[in-house]
C-alpha atoms as a PDB file:
ATOM      1  CA  UNK A   1     100.586  79.441  -8.933  1.00  0.00           C
ATOM      2  CA  UNK A   2     104.146  80.180  -7.931  1.00  0.00           C
ATOM      3  CA  UNK A   3     106.442  77.629  -6.372  1.00  0.00           C
ATOM      4  CA  UNK A   4     106.691  79.775  -3.255  1.00  0.00           C
ATOM      5  CA  UNK A   5     102.907  79.870  -2.847  1.00  0.00           C
ATOM      6  CA  UNK A   6     102.650  76.113  -3.401  1.00  0.00           C
ATOM      7  CA  UNK A   7     105.378  75.425  -0.821  1.00  0.00           C
ATOM      8  CA  UNK A   8     103.550  77.644   1.679  1.00  0.00           C
ATOM      9  CA  UNK A   9     100.277  75.769   1.119  1.00  0.00           C
ATOM     10  CA  UNK A  10     101.995  72.427   1.630  1.00  0.00           C
ATOM     11  CA  UNK A  11     103.636  73.625   4.859  1.00  0.00           C
ATOM     12  CA  UNK A  12     100.292  74.882   6.185  1.00  0.00           C
ATOM     13  CA  UNK A  13      98.392  71.697   5.440  1.00  0.00           C
ATOM     14  CA  UNK A  14     101.055  69.408   6.885  1.00  0.00           C
ATOM     15  CA  UNK A  15     100.630  66.717   4.218  1.00  0.00           C
ATOM     16  CA  UNK A  16     100.538  66.374   0.466  1.00  0.00           C
ATOM     17  CA  UNK A  17      98.399  63.275  -0.086  1.00  0.00           C
ATOM     18  CA  UNK A  18      95.717  61.394   1.789  1.00  0.00           C
ATOM     19  CA  UNK A  19      97.015  58.732   4.157  1.00  0.00           C
ATOM     20  CA  UNK A  20      96.769  55.144   2.974  1.00  0.00           C
ATOM     21  CA  UNK A  21      93.795  53.177   4.287  1.00  0.00           C
ATOM     22  CA  UNK A  22      94.553  50.442   6.826  1.00  0.00           C
ATOM     23  CA  UNK A  23      96.030  47.248   5.412  1.00  0.00           C
ATOM     24  CA  UNK A  24      93.434  44.527   4.702  1.00  0.00           C
ATOM     25  CA  UNK A  25      93.635  40.978   5.988  1.00  0.00           C
ATOM     26  CA  UNK A  26      95.946  38.876   3.851  1.00  0.00           C
ATOM     27  CA  UNK A  27      94.125  36.296   1.711  1.00  0.00           C
ATOM     28  CA  UNK A  28      94.884  32.745   2.860  1.00  0.00           C
ATOM     29  CA  UNK A  29      97.904  31.451   0.956  1.00  0.00           C
ATOM     30  CA  UNK A  30      98.917  34.847  -0.456  1.00  0.00           C
ATOM     31  CA  UNK A  31     101.819  35.176   1.995  1.00  0.00           C
ATOM     32  CA  UNK A  32     103.995  33.376  -0.585  1.00  0.00           C
ATOM     33  CA  UNK A  33     104.061  36.563  -2.672  1.00  0.00           C
ATOM     34  CA  UNK A  34     105.971  38.534  -0.063  1.00  0.00           C
ATOM     35  CA  UNK A  35     103.944  41.738  -0.410  1.00  0.00           C
ATOM     36  CA  UNK A  36     104.181  42.114  -4.183  1.00  0.00           C
ATOM     37  CA  UNK A  37     102.124  40.528  -6.980  1.00  0.00           C
ATOM     38  CA  UNK A  38     102.160  40.524 -10.747  1.00  0.00           C
ATOM     39  CA  UNK A  39      98.707  40.572 -12.360  1.00  0.00           C
ATOM     40  CA  UNK A  40      97.645  39.332 -15.787  1.00  0.00           C
ATOM     41  CA  UNK A  41      94.328  40.845 -16.865  1.00  0.00           C
ATOM     42  CA  UNK A  42      92.003  38.723 -19.021  1.00  0.00           C
ATOM     43  CA  UNK A  43      88.740  39.867 -20.581  1.00  0.00           C
ATOM     44  CA  UNK A  44      86.858  36.624 -21.243  1.00  0.00           C
ATOM     45  CA  UNK A  45      83.862  38.382 -22.847  1.00  0.00           C
ATOM     46  CA  UNK A  46      81.161  40.834 -21.905  1.00  0.00           C
ATOM     47  CA  UNK A  47      80.517  44.527 -22.318  1.00  0.00           C
ATOM     48  CA  UNK A  48      83.898  45.949 -21.109  1.00  0.00           C
ATOM     49  CA  UNK A  49      82.389  47.864 -18.174  1.00  0.00           C
ATOM     50  CA  UNK A  50      84.434  45.841 -15.704  1.00  0.00           C
ATOM     51  CA  UNK A  51      87.515  46.151 -17.907  1.00  0.00           C
ATOM     52  CA  UNK A  52      87.208  49.941 -17.717  1.00  0.00           C
ATOM     53  CA  UNK A  53      86.972  49.765 -13.931  1.00  0.00           C
ATOM     54  CA  UNK A  54      90.102  47.588 -13.806  1.00  0.00           C
ATOM     55  CA  UNK A  55      91.869  50.178 -15.964  1.00  0.00           C
ATOM     56  CA  UNK A  56      90.740  52.866 -13.507  1.00  0.00           C
ATOM     57  CA  UNK A  57      92.128  50.847 -10.589  1.00  0.00           C
ATOM     58  CA  UNK A  58      95.534  50.839 -12.279  1.00  0.00           C
ATOM     59  CA  UNK A  59      95.223  54.512 -13.297  1.00  0.00           C
ATOM     60  CA  UNK A  60      96.544  57.571 -11.477  1.00  0.00           C
ATOM     61  CA  UNK A  61      93.495  58.155  -9.246  1.00  0.00           C
ATOM     62  CA  UNK A  62      93.386  54.750  -7.510  1.00  0.00           C
ATOM     63  CA  UNK A  63      97.047  53.897  -8.253  1.00  0.00           C
ATOM     64  CA  UNK A  64      97.039  50.258  -7.167  1.00  0.00           C
ATOM     65  CA  UNK A  65     100.740  50.021  -8.030  1.00  0.00           C
ATOM     66  CA  UNK A  66     101.617  51.845  -4.805  1.00  0.00           C
ATOM     67  CA  UNK A  67     100.577  48.665  -2.991  1.00  0.00           C
ATOM     68  CA  UNK A  68     103.058  46.470  -4.868  1.00  0.00           C
ATOM     69  CA  UNK A  69     100.630  45.313  -7.568  1.00  0.00           C
ATOM     70  CA  UNK A  70     101.740  45.455 -11.190  1.00  0.00           C
ATOM     71  CA  UNK A  71     100.230  44.466 -14.543  1.00  0.00           C
ATOM     72  CA  UNK A  72     102.293  42.101 -16.669  1.00  0.00           C
ATOM     73  CA  UNK A  73     101.957  41.211 -20.336  1.00  0.00           C
ATOM     74  CA  UNK A  74     102.521  37.475 -20.048  1.00  0.00           C
ATOM     75  CA  UNK A  75     100.793  34.839 -17.920  1.00  0.00           C
ATOM     76  CA  UNK A  76     104.235  33.259 -17.417  1.00  0.00           C
ATOM     77  CA  UNK A  77     105.176  36.255 -15.260  1.00  0.00           C
ATOM     78  CA  UNK A  78     101.873  36.472 -13.366  1.00  0.00           C
ATOM     79  CA  UNK A  79     100.948  35.510  -9.803  1.00  0.00           C
ATOM     80  CA  UNK A  80      97.291  36.554 -10.095  1.00  0.00           C
ATOM     81  CA  UNK A  81      94.845  36.272 -12.991  1.00  0.00           C
ATOM     82  CA  UNK A  82      92.199  39.011 -12.957  1.00  0.00           C
ATOM     83  CA  UNK A  83      89.308  37.858 -15.160  1.00  0.00           C
ATOM     84  CA  UNK A  84      86.300  39.919 -16.259  1.00  0.00           C
ATOM     85  CA  UNK A  85      83.249  38.982 -18.322  1.00  0.00           C
ATOM     86  CA  UNK A  86      81.343  35.778 -18.916  1.00  0.00           C
ATOM     87  CA  UNK A  87      83.408  33.212 -20.787  1.00  0.00           C
ATOM     88  CA  UNK A  88      82.484  33.097 -24.458  1.00  0.00           C
ATOM     89  CA  UNK A  89      82.671  29.918 -26.518  1.00  0.00           C
ATOM     90  CA  UNK A  90      85.746  31.205 -28.331  1.00  0.00           C
ATOM     91  CA  UNK A  91      87.535  32.022 -25.046  1.00  0.00           C
ATOM     92  CA  UNK A  92      87.250  28.620 -23.350  1.00  0.00           C
ATOM     93  CA  UNK A  93      90.477  27.192 -24.729  1.00  0.00           C
ATOM     94  CA  UNK A  94      92.540  30.437 -24.568  1.00  0.00           C
ATOM     95  CA  UNK A  95      91.440  30.880 -20.936  1.00  0.00           C
ATOM     96  CA  UNK A  96      92.485  27.347 -20.020  1.00  0.00           C
ATOM     97  CA  UNK A  97      95.820  27.777 -21.805  1.00  0.00           C
ATOM     98  CA  UNK A  98      96.443  31.040 -19.977  1.00  0.00           C
ATOM     99  CA  UNK A  99      95.725  29.429 -16.620  1.00  0.00           C
ATOM    100  CA  UNK A 100      98.001  26.500 -17.488  1.00  0.00           C
ATOM    101  CA  UNK A 101     100.788  28.908 -18.512  1.00  0.00           C
ATOM    102  CA  UNK A 102     100.624  30.733 -15.174  1.00  0.00           C
ATOM    103  CA  UNK A 103     103.090  29.334 -12.643  1.00  0.00           C
ATOM    104  CA  UNK A 104     101.860  28.001  -9.316  1.00  0.00           C
ATOM    105  CA  UNK A 105     101.033  29.197  -6.759  1.00  0.00           C
ATOM    106  CA  UNK A 106      98.532  31.351  -8.589  1.00  0.00           C
ATOM    107  CA  UNK A 107      95.289  33.015  -7.653  1.00  0.00           C
ATOM    108  CA  UNK A 108      92.278  33.723  -9.855  1.00  0.00           C
ATOM    109  CA  UNK A 109      90.046  36.715  -9.167  1.00  0.00           C
ATOM    110  CA  UNK A 110      86.677  36.964 -10.954  1.00  0.00           C
ATOM    111  CA  UNK A 111      85.648  40.609 -11.332  1.00  0.00           C
ATOM    112  CA  UNK A 112      82.034  41.585 -11.939  1.00  0.00           C
ATOM    113  CA  UNK A 113      78.696  39.816 -12.019  1.00  0.00           C
ATOM    114  CA  UNK A 114      79.268  38.522 -15.552  1.00  0.00           C
ATOM    115  CA  UNK A 115      82.435  36.701 -14.485  1.00  0.00           C
ATOM    116  CA  UNK A 116      80.794  35.362 -11.318  1.00  0.00           C
ATOM    117  CA  UNK A 117      77.361  34.273 -12.593  1.00  0.00           C
ATOM    118  CA  UNK A 118      77.236  35.049 -16.314  1.00  0.00           C
ATOM    119  CA  UNK A 119      75.293  38.237 -15.610  1.00  0.00           C
ATOM    120  CA  UNK A 120      72.895  39.570 -18.221  1.00  0.00           C
ATOM    121  CA  UNK A 121      74.676  37.540 -20.908  1.00  0.00           C
ATOM    122  CA  UNK A 122      74.199  34.160 -19.171  1.00  0.00           C
ATOM    123  CA  UNK A 123      71.592  32.851 -21.616  1.00  0.00           C
ATOM    124  CA  UNK A 124      73.259  34.230 -24.741  1.00  0.00           C
ATOM    125  CA  UNK A 125      74.164  31.977 -27.645  1.00  0.00           C
ATOM    126  CA  UNK A 126      77.876  32.731 -27.590  1.00  0.00           C
ATOM    127  CA  UNK A 127      78.259  32.491 -23.800  1.00  0.00           C
ATOM    128  CA  UNK A 128      79.671  29.280 -22.363  1.00  0.00           C
ATOM    129  CA  UNK A 129      79.235  30.251 -18.696  1.00  0.00           C
ATOM    130  CA  UNK A 130      80.838  32.004 -15.738  1.00  0.00           C
ATOM    131  CA  UNK A 131      84.568  31.795 -15.061  1.00  0.00           C
ATOM    132  CA  UNK A 132      84.098  29.283 -12.232  1.00  0.00           C
ATOM    133  CA  UNK A 133      82.798  26.706 -14.733  1.00  0.00           C
ATOM    134  CA  UNK A 134      86.229  26.574 -16.387  1.00  0.00           C
ATOM    135  CA  UNK A 135      88.831  27.497 -13.748  1.00  0.00           C
ATOM    136  CA  UNK A 136      88.975  27.494  -9.958  1.00  0.00           C
ATOM    137  CA  UNK A 137      88.175  30.993  -8.689  1.00  0.00           C
ATOM    138  CA  UNK A 138      89.836  32.034  -5.422  1.00  0.00           C
ATOM    139  CA  UNK A 139      88.259  35.457  -4.923  1.00  0.00           C
ATOM    140  CA  UNK A 140      85.222  37.217  -6.397  1.00  0.00           C
ATOM    141  CA  UNK A 141      84.506  40.942  -6.684  1.00  0.00           C
ATOM    142  CA  UNK A 142      80.743  41.386  -7.200  1.00  0.00           C
ATOM    143  CA  UNK A 143      79.171  44.344  -8.945  1.00  0.00           C
ATOM    144  CA  UNK A 144      77.945  45.406 -12.333  1.00  0.00           C
ATOM    145  CA  UNK A 145      80.528  46.868 -12.700  1.00  0.00           C
ATOM    146  CA  UNK A 146      82.313  46.896  -9.343  1.00  0.00           C
ATOM    147  CA  UNK A 147      83.827  50.181  -8.219  1.00  0.00           C
ATOM    148  CA  UNK A 148      87.594  50.497  -8.741  1.00  0.00           C
ATOM    149  CA  UNK A 149      87.984  50.815  -4.954  1.00  0.00           C
ATOM    150  CA  UNK A 150      86.572  47.270  -4.546  1.00  0.00           C
ATOM    151  CA  UNK A 151      88.998  45.939  -7.153  1.00  0.00           C
ATOM    152  CA  UNK A 152      91.873  47.671  -5.367  1.00  0.00           C
ATOM    153  CA  UNK A 153      90.736  46.180  -2.045  1.00  0.00           C
ATOM    154  CA  UNK A 154      90.654  42.660  -3.514  1.00  0.00           C
ATOM    155  CA  UNK A 155      94.130  43.075  -4.988  1.00  0.00           C
ATOM    156  CA  UNK A 156      95.454  44.486  -1.703  1.00  0.00           C
ATOM    157  CA  UNK A 157      94.328  41.268  -0.012  1.00  0.00           C
ATOM    158  CA  UNK A 158      96.912  39.505  -2.179  1.00  0.00           C
ATOM    159  CA  UNK A 159      99.746  41.699  -0.873  1.00  0.00           C
ATOM    160  CA  UNK A 160      98.536  42.599   2.606  1.00  0.00           C
ATOM    161  CA  UNK A 161      99.766  46.152   1.959  1.00  0.00           C
END
């Protein structure tokens, strides 16, 4: 397609992208972030379905970064911990250390049924329990796995954007 044809199509349609959905209600206490949050993703155990949905939320289709939400590599730079999967026995101490390394104020979001209740792995030998047994969870995103749009909505509640 030529540039001229593309420009003509854009002029005819009047817009290039879909408008942003209305801003969600700001989560209580999240006003300290000033409309921008840094997220540290933690997979505490499980089947990686929820981890793939989190990756989709940060991918080009859902593009959660346009709302001021960014992934960071260190918990020392994070405002929000996004945790998926039931906590395995080997992840208890690393999870607690990660939470302790995150500066306050911080928020913890449990993503998926495994993180919230233990899911299908709840009675497994290597499973210690849901995330809420080890850290205080501020927000939960139910689903097995939850749709990326629900993850984006939960993260947008941290920024209000």
